Amino acid sequence: MMEKHTIMDGKVHVYKRDRSRYWQCSTYLDLSRFSSGLTTHLGCLAFEGNR
């Protein structure tokens, strides 16, 4: 099952897909979805910093 978290008052979604060691993040701006990959270490820092 995919691990996922919502940060920044629900504006950013951070998730890690099954069978992947990398975290992903996504957000919406003007009805467009933007996403980016993060290394595992940076993903954990992003999540911890916005709790």
PDB file of N, CA and C in Angstrom:
ATOM      1  N   MET A   1       0.827  -1.184   0.000  1.00  0.00           N
ATOM      2  CA  MET A   1       0.000   0.000   0.000  1.00  0.00           C
ATOM      3  C   MET A   1       0.875   1.253   0.000  1.00  0.00           C
ATOM      4  N   MET A   2       0.476   2.256  -0.734  1.00  0.00           N
ATOM      5  CA  MET A   2       1.247   3.478  -0.880  1.00  0.00           C
ATOM      6  C   MET A   2       1.200   4.297   0.419  1.00  0.00           C
ATOM      7  N   GLU A   3       2.369   4.771   0.849  1.00  0.00           N
ATOM      8  CA  GLU A   3       2.450   5.635   2.019  1.00  0.00           C
ATOM      9  C   GLU A   3       2.270   7.072   1.550  1.00  0.00           C
ATOM     10  N   LYS A   4       1.389   7.836   2.211  1.00  0.00           N
ATOM     11  CA  LYS A   4       1.155   9.203   1.768  1.00  0.00           C
ATOM     12  C   LYS A   4       0.849  10.119   2.949  1.00  0.00           C
ATOM     13  N   HIS A   5       1.199  11.391   2.762  1.00  0.00           N
ATOM     14  CA  HIS A   5       1.000  12.417   3.775  1.00  0.00           C
ATOM     15  C   HIS A   5       0.587  13.704   3.072  1.00  0.00           C
ATOM     16  N   THR A   6      -0.192  14.506   3.769  1.00  0.00           N
ATOM     17  CA  THR A   6      -0.585  15.810   3.258  1.00  0.00           C
ATOM     18  C   THR A   6       0.048  16.859   4.156  1.00  0.00           C
ATOM     19  N   ILE A   7       0.707  17.847   3.555  1.00  0.00           N
ATOM     20  CA  ILE A   7       1.396  18.890   4.311  1.00  0.00           C
ATOM     21  C   ILE A   7       0.981  20.262   3.795  1.00  0.00           C
ATOM     22  N   MET A   8       1.426  21.278   4.484  1.00  0.00           N
ATOM     23  CA  MET A   8       1.171  22.673   4.120  1.00  0.00           C
ATOM     24  C   MET A   8      -0.331  22.932   3.970  1.00  0.00           C
ATOM     25  N   ASP A   9      -1.067  22.565   5.016  1.00  0.00           N
ATOM     26  CA  ASP A   9      -2.523  22.768   5.054  1.00  0.00           C
ATOM     27  C   ASP A   9      -3.237  22.135   3.869  1.00  0.00           C
ATOM     28  N   GLY A  10      -2.772  20.952   3.453  1.00  0.00           N
ATOM     29  CA  GLY A  10      -3.433  20.208   2.392  1.00  0.00           C
ATOM     30  C   GLY A  10      -3.062  20.622   0.986  1.00  0.00           C
ATOM     31  N   LYS A  11      -2.128  21.545   0.845  1.00  0.00           N
ATOM     32  CA  LYS A  11      -1.758  22.040  -0.485  1.00  0.00           C
ATOM     33  C   LYS A  11      -0.725  21.164  -1.184  1.00  0.00           C
ATOM     34  N   VAL A  12       0.029  20.376  -0.416  1.00  0.00           N
ATOM     35  CA  VAL A  12       1.077  19.522  -0.988  1.00  0.00           C
ATOM     36  C   VAL A  12       0.862  18.094  -0.506  1.00  0.00           C
ATOM     37  N   HIS A  13       0.962  17.155  -1.418  1.00  0.00           N
ATOM     38  CA  HIS A  13       0.831  15.727  -1.110  1.00  0.00           C
ATOM     39  C   HIS A  13       2.193  15.074  -1.318  1.00  0.00           C
ATOM     40  N   VAL A  14       2.678  14.394  -0.288  1.00  0.00           N
ATOM     41  CA  VAL A  14       3.954  13.683  -0.345  1.00  0.00           C
ATOM     42  C   VAL A  14       3.630  12.204  -0.237  1.00  0.00           C
ATOM     43  N   TYR A  15       4.148  11.416  -1.166  1.00  0.00           N
ATOM     44  CA  TYR A  15       3.810   9.998  -1.167  1.00  0.00           C
ATOM     45  C   TYR A  15       4.973   9.158  -1.672  1.00  0.00           C
ATOM     46  N   LYS A  16       4.939   7.898  -1.286  1.00  0.00           N
ATOM     47  CA  LYS A  16       5.945   6.929  -1.705  1.00  0.00           C
ATOM     48  C   LYS A  16       5.207   5.737  -2.278  1.00  0.00           C
ATOM     49  N   ARG A  17       5.439   5.456  -3.524  1.00  0.00           N
ATOM     50  CA  ARG A  17       4.753   4.351  -4.196  1.00  0.00           C
ATOM     51  C   ARG A  17       5.327   3.002  -3.784  1.00  0.00           C
ATOM     52  N   ASP A  18       4.498   1.979  -3.887  1.00  0.00           N
ATOM     53  CA  ASP A  18       4.954   0.623  -3.601  1.00  0.00           C
ATOM     54  C   ASP A  18       6.141   0.291  -4.502  1.00  0.00           C
ATOM     55  N   ARG A  19       7.066  -0.448  -3.969  1.00  0.00           N
ATOM     56  CA  ARG A  19       8.253  -0.915  -4.706  1.00  0.00           C
ATOM     57  C   ARG A  19       9.180   0.208  -5.163  1.00  0.00           C
ATOM     58  N   SER A  20       9.067   1.378  -4.562  1.00  0.00           N
ATOM     59  CA  SER A  20       9.948   2.493  -4.900  1.00  0.00           C
ATOM     60  C   SER A  20      10.660   2.965  -3.647  1.00  0.00           C
ATOM     61  N   ARG A  21      11.896   3.370  -3.785  1.00  0.00           N
ATOM     62  CA  ARG A  21      12.611   3.914  -2.642  1.00  0.00           C
ATOM     63  C   ARG A  21      12.558   5.441  -2.636  1.00  0.00           C
ATOM     64  N   TYR A  22      11.912   6.015  -3.621  1.00  0.00           N
ATOM     65  CA  TYR A  22      11.844   7.468  -3.741  1.00  0.00           C
ATOM     66  C   TYR A  22      10.487   8.024  -3.351  1.00  0.00           C
ATOM     67  N   TRP A  23      10.498   9.175  -2.742  1.00  0.00           N
ATOM     68  CA  TRP A  23       9.287   9.911  -2.416  1.00  0.00           C
ATOM     69  C   TRP A  23       8.926  10.801  -3.596  1.00  0.00           C
ATOM     70  N   GLN A  24       7.641  11.070  -3.746  1.00  0.00           N
ATOM     71  CA  GLN A  24       7.120  11.973  -4.771  1.00  0.00           C
ATOM     72  C   GLN A  24       6.327  13.059  -4.044  1.00  0.00           C
ATOM     73  N   CYS A  25       6.208  14.213  -4.672  1.00  0.00           N
ATOM     74  CA  CYS A  25       5.324  15.229  -4.117  1.00  0.00           C
ATOM     75  C   CYS A  25       4.528  15.834  -5.264  1.00  0.00           C
ATOM     76  N   SER A  26       3.328  16.313  -4.950  1.00  0.00           N
ATOM     77  CA  SER A  26       2.495  16.909  -5.979  1.00  0.00           C
ATOM     78  C   SER A  26       1.654  18.031  -5.384  1.00  0.00           C
ATOM     79  N   THR A  27       1.270  18.963  -6.245  1.00  0.00           N
ATOM     80  CA  THR A  27       0.403  20.064  -5.863  1.00  0.00           C
ATOM     81  C   THR A  27      -0.369  20.525  -7.093  1.00  0.00           C
ATOM     82  N   TYR A  28      -1.387  21.314  -6.879  1.00  0.00           N
ATOM     83  CA  TYR A  28      -2.179  21.867  -7.982  1.00  0.00           C
ATOM     84  C   TYR A  28      -2.030  23.379  -7.995  1.00  0.00           C
ATOM     85  N   LEU A  29      -1.937  23.954  -9.173  1.00  0.00           N
ATOM     86  CA  LEU A  29      -1.860  25.399  -9.343  1.00  0.00           C
ATOM     87  C   LEU A  29      -2.630  25.754 -10.603  1.00  0.00           C
ATOM     88  N   ASP A  30      -3.650  26.571 -10.469  1.00  0.00           N
ATOM     89  CA  ASP A  30      -4.480  26.964 -11.613  1.00  0.00           C
ATOM     90  C   ASP A  30      -4.992  25.751 -12.395  1.00  0.00           C
ATOM     91  N   LEU A  31      -5.527  24.782 -11.677  1.00  0.00           N
ATOM     92  CA  LEU A  31      -6.107  23.560 -12.253  1.00  0.00           C
ATOM     93  C   LEU A  31      -5.102  22.651 -12.950  1.00  0.00           C
ATOM     94  N   SER A  32      -3.812  22.895 -12.779  1.00  0.00           N
ATOM     95  CA  SER A  32      -2.772  22.035 -13.340  1.00  0.00           C
ATOM     96  C   SER A  32      -2.055  21.317 -12.210  1.00  0.00           C
ATOM     97  N   ARG A  33      -1.758  20.042 -12.416  1.00  0.00           N
ATOM     98  CA  ARG A  33      -1.060  19.244 -11.409  1.00  0.00           C
ATOM     99  C   ARG A  33       0.427  19.267 -11.689  1.00  0.00           C
ATOM    100  N   PHE A  34       1.205  19.526 -10.656  1.00  0.00           N
ATOM    101  CA  PHE A  34       2.657  19.510 -10.755  1.00  0.00           C
ATOM    102  C   PHE A  34       3.182  18.459  -9.796  1.00  0.00           C
ATOM    103  N   SER A  35       4.169  17.682 -10.235  1.00  0.00           N
ATOM    104  CA  SER A  35       4.746  16.674  -9.352  1.00  0.00           C
ATOM    105  C   SER A  35       6.247  16.611  -9.561  1.00  0.00           C
ATOM    106  N   SER A  36       6.914  16.085  -8.557  1.00  0.00           N
ATOM    107  CA  SER A  36       8.361  15.989  -8.607  1.00  0.00           C
ATOM    108  C   SER A  36       8.794  14.806  -7.756  1.00  0.00           C
ATOM    109  N   GLY A  37       9.915  14.214  -8.110  1.00  0.00           N
ATOM    110  CA  GLY A  37      10.477  13.122  -7.329  1.00  0.00           C
ATOM    111  C   GLY A  37      11.514  13.651  -6.362  1.00  0.00           C
ATOM    112  N   LEU A  38      11.628  13.003  -5.218  1.00  0.00           N
ATOM    113  CA  LEU A  38      12.597  13.370  -4.194  1.00  0.00           C
ATOM    114  C   LEU A  38      13.364  12.125  -3.798  1.00  0.00           C
ATOM    115  N   THR A  39      14.588  12.293  -3.347  1.00  0.00           N
ATOM    116  CA  THR A  39      15.263  11.132  -2.785  1.00  0.00           C
ATOM    117  C   THR A  39      14.593  10.809  -1.461  1.00  0.00           C
ATOM    118  N   THR A  40      14.757   9.603  -0.983  1.00  0.00           N
ATOM    119  CA  THR A  40      14.114   9.198   0.267  1.00  0.00           C
ATOM    120  C   THR A  40      14.481  10.146   1.399  1.00  0.00           C
ATOM    121  N   HIS A  41      15.745  10.501   1.511  1.00  0.00           N
ATOM    122  CA  HIS A  41      16.206  11.367   2.599  1.00  0.00           C
ATOM    123  C   HIS A  41      15.534  12.735   2.531  1.00  0.00           C
ATOM    124  N   LEU A  42      15.485  13.335   1.356  1.00  0.00           N
ATOM    125  CA  LEU A  42      14.871  14.654   1.221  1.00  0.00           C
ATOM    126  C   LEU A  42      13.371  14.600   1.451  1.00  0.00           C
ATOM    127  N   GLY A  43      12.731  13.536   1.037  1.00  0.00           N
ATOM    128  CA  GLY A  43      11.302  13.384   1.284  1.00  0.00           C
ATOM    129  C   GLY A  43      10.978  13.341   2.753  1.00  0.00           C
ATOM    130  N   CYS A  44      11.784  12.646   3.514  1.00  0.00           N
ATOM    131  CA  CYS A  44      11.561  12.569   4.958  1.00  0.00           C
ATOM    132  C   CYS A  44      11.781  13.931   5.603  1.00  0.00           C
ATOM    133  N   LEU A  45      12.775  14.672   5.150  1.00  0.00           N
ATOM    134  CA  LEU A  45      13.000  16.011   5.688  1.00  0.00           C
ATOM    135  C   LEU A  45      11.850  16.942   5.367  1.00  0.00           C
ATOM    136  N   ALA A  46      11.312  16.842   4.153  1.00  0.00           N
ATOM    137  CA  ALA A  46      10.185  17.697   3.767  1.00  0.00           C
ATOM    138  C   ALA A  46       8.979  17.389   4.630  1.00  0.00           C
ATOM    139  N   PHE A  47       8.731  16.125   4.887  1.00  0.00           N
ATOM    140  CA  PHE A  47       7.594  15.737   5.707  1.00  0.00           C
ATOM    141  C   PHE A  47       7.791  16.184   7.155  1.00  0.00           C
ATOM    142  N   GLU A  48       8.964  15.924   7.716  1.00  0.00           N
ATOM    143  CA  GLU A  48       9.237  16.275   9.102  1.00  0.00           C
ATOM    144  C   GLU A  48       9.213  17.787   9.331  1.00  0.00           C
ATOM    145  N   GLY A  49       9.692  18.539   8.358  1.00  0.00           N
ATOM    146  CA  GLY A  49       9.760  19.984   8.508  1.00  0.00           C
ATOM    147  C   GLY A  49       8.398  20.664   8.455  1.00  0.00           C
ATOM    148  N   ASN A  50       7.390  19.988   7.963  1.00  0.00           N
ATOM    149  CA  ASN A  50       6.073  20.601   7.811  1.00  0.00           C
ATOM    150  C   ASN A  50       5.006  19.960   8.689  1.00  0.00           C
ATOM    151  N   ARG A  51       5.391  19.248   9.694  1.00  0.00           N
ATOM    152  CA  ARG A  51       4.414  18.642  10.613  1.00  0.00           C
ATOM    153  C   ARG A  51       3.777  19.675  11.479  1.00  0.00           C
TER     154      ARG A  51
END
